[in-house]
Amino acid sequence: MEILTPLHAIGFFCSPDGSPASLTDLTKEFELLCGIKFKNPETCRWSVLNRKTKLTNIVDTLRRTLLELSVK
């Protein structure tokens, strides 16, 4: 959800008709793609938005990995 939440917020994904994809549709597709299941996507989303301690490092790790790959 740390990745999906900001991508959804900026309208990164669209439905076939060009309208912004709903968080529900986006979550279902991500679950299918990754073979995972979110028990309650909306609760997970709010947890990401309201997290104040123990922040995940996923975005920093992704950025660092992309930078390392770009200099090879």
Protein backbone atom coordinates (compact mmCIF):
# COMPACT_ATOMS: atom_id res chain seq x y z
CA MET A 1 0.00 0.00 0.00
CA GLU A 2 2.99 2.31 0.46
CA ILE A 3 3.36 2.28 -3.31
CA LEU A 4 -0.30 2.18 -4.34
CA THR A 5 -1.48 5.03 -2.10
CA PRO A 6 0.66 7.82 -3.61
CA LEU A 7 0.28 6.49 -7.15
CA HIS A 8 -3.50 6.49 -6.73
CA ALA A 9 -3.41 9.99 -5.23
CA ILE A 10 -1.64 11.45 -8.27
CA GLY A 11 -3.91 9.65 -10.73
CA PHE A 12 -1.11 7.50 -12.12
CA PHE A 13 -3.45 4.68 -13.21
CA CYS A 14 -6.48 5.07 -15.47
CA SER A 15 -9.47 2.92 -16.33
CA PRO A 16 -9.95 1.87 -19.97
CA ASP A 17 -12.27 4.86 -20.49
CA GLY A 18 -9.51 7.27 -19.38
CA SER A 19 -10.98 8.13 -15.98
CA PRO A 20 -8.82 7.72 -12.86
CA ALA A 21 -8.83 4.14 -11.56
CA SER A 22 -10.57 3.59 -8.25
CA LEU A 23 -8.48 2.45 -5.31
CA THR A 24 -10.61 -0.71 -5.18
CA ASP A 25 -9.86 -1.61 -8.81
CA LEU A 26 -6.20 -0.72 -8.42
CA THR A 27 -5.92 -2.87 -5.30
CA LYS A 28 -7.59 -5.85 -6.99
CA GLU A 29 -5.22 -5.64 -9.96
CA PHE A 30 -2.18 -5.31 -7.69
CA GLU A 31 -3.34 -8.33 -5.65
CA LEU A 32 -3.68 -10.36 -8.84
CA LEU A 33 -0.32 -9.21 -10.19
CA CYS A 34 1.61 -9.94 -6.99
CA GLY A 35 -0.35 -12.94 -5.75
CA ILE A 36 -1.22 -11.26 -2.45
CA LYS A 37 -4.42 -10.32 -0.64
CA PHE A 38 -5.15 -7.18 1.37
CA LYS A 39 -7.71 -7.98 4.06
CA ASN A 40 -9.11 -4.45 4.13
CA PRO A 41 -7.51 -2.14 1.54
CA GLU A 42 -9.10 1.05 2.87
CA THR A 43 -7.83 0.36 6.38
CA CYS A 44 -4.37 -0.38 4.99
CA ARG A 45 -4.46 2.89 3.06
CA TRP A 46 -5.38 4.88 6.16
CA SER A 47 -2.63 3.13 8.11
CA VAL A 48 -0.12 4.29 5.51
CA LEU A 49 -1.45 7.86 5.60
CA ASN A 50 -1.54 8.05 9.40
CA ARG A 51 1.69 6.23 10.18
CA LYS A 52 3.80 8.37 12.48
CA THR A 53 6.38 5.90 13.78
CA LYS A 54 8.26 2.99 12.29
CA LEU A 55 7.99 4.34 8.75
CA THR A 56 8.78 1.83 6.08
CA ASN A 57 11.84 2.33 3.96
CA ILE A 58 10.35 0.90 0.77
CA VAL A 59 10.42 4.14 -1.23
CA ASP A 60 13.98 4.94 -0.18
CA THR A 61 15.04 1.39 -0.99
CA LEU A 62 13.42 1.59 -4.44
CA ARG A 63 15.06 4.96 -5.13
CA ARG A 64 18.46 3.70 -3.98
CA THR A 65 18.13 0.57 -6.14
CA LEU A 66 17.21 2.60 -9.22
CA LEU A 67 20.20 4.87 -8.66
CA GLU A 68 22.52 1.89 -8.27
CA LEU A 69 21.17 0.30 -11.45
CA SER A 70 21.55 3.53 -13.41
CA VAL A 71 25.30 3.80 -12.79
CA LYS A 72 26.08 0.24 -13.88
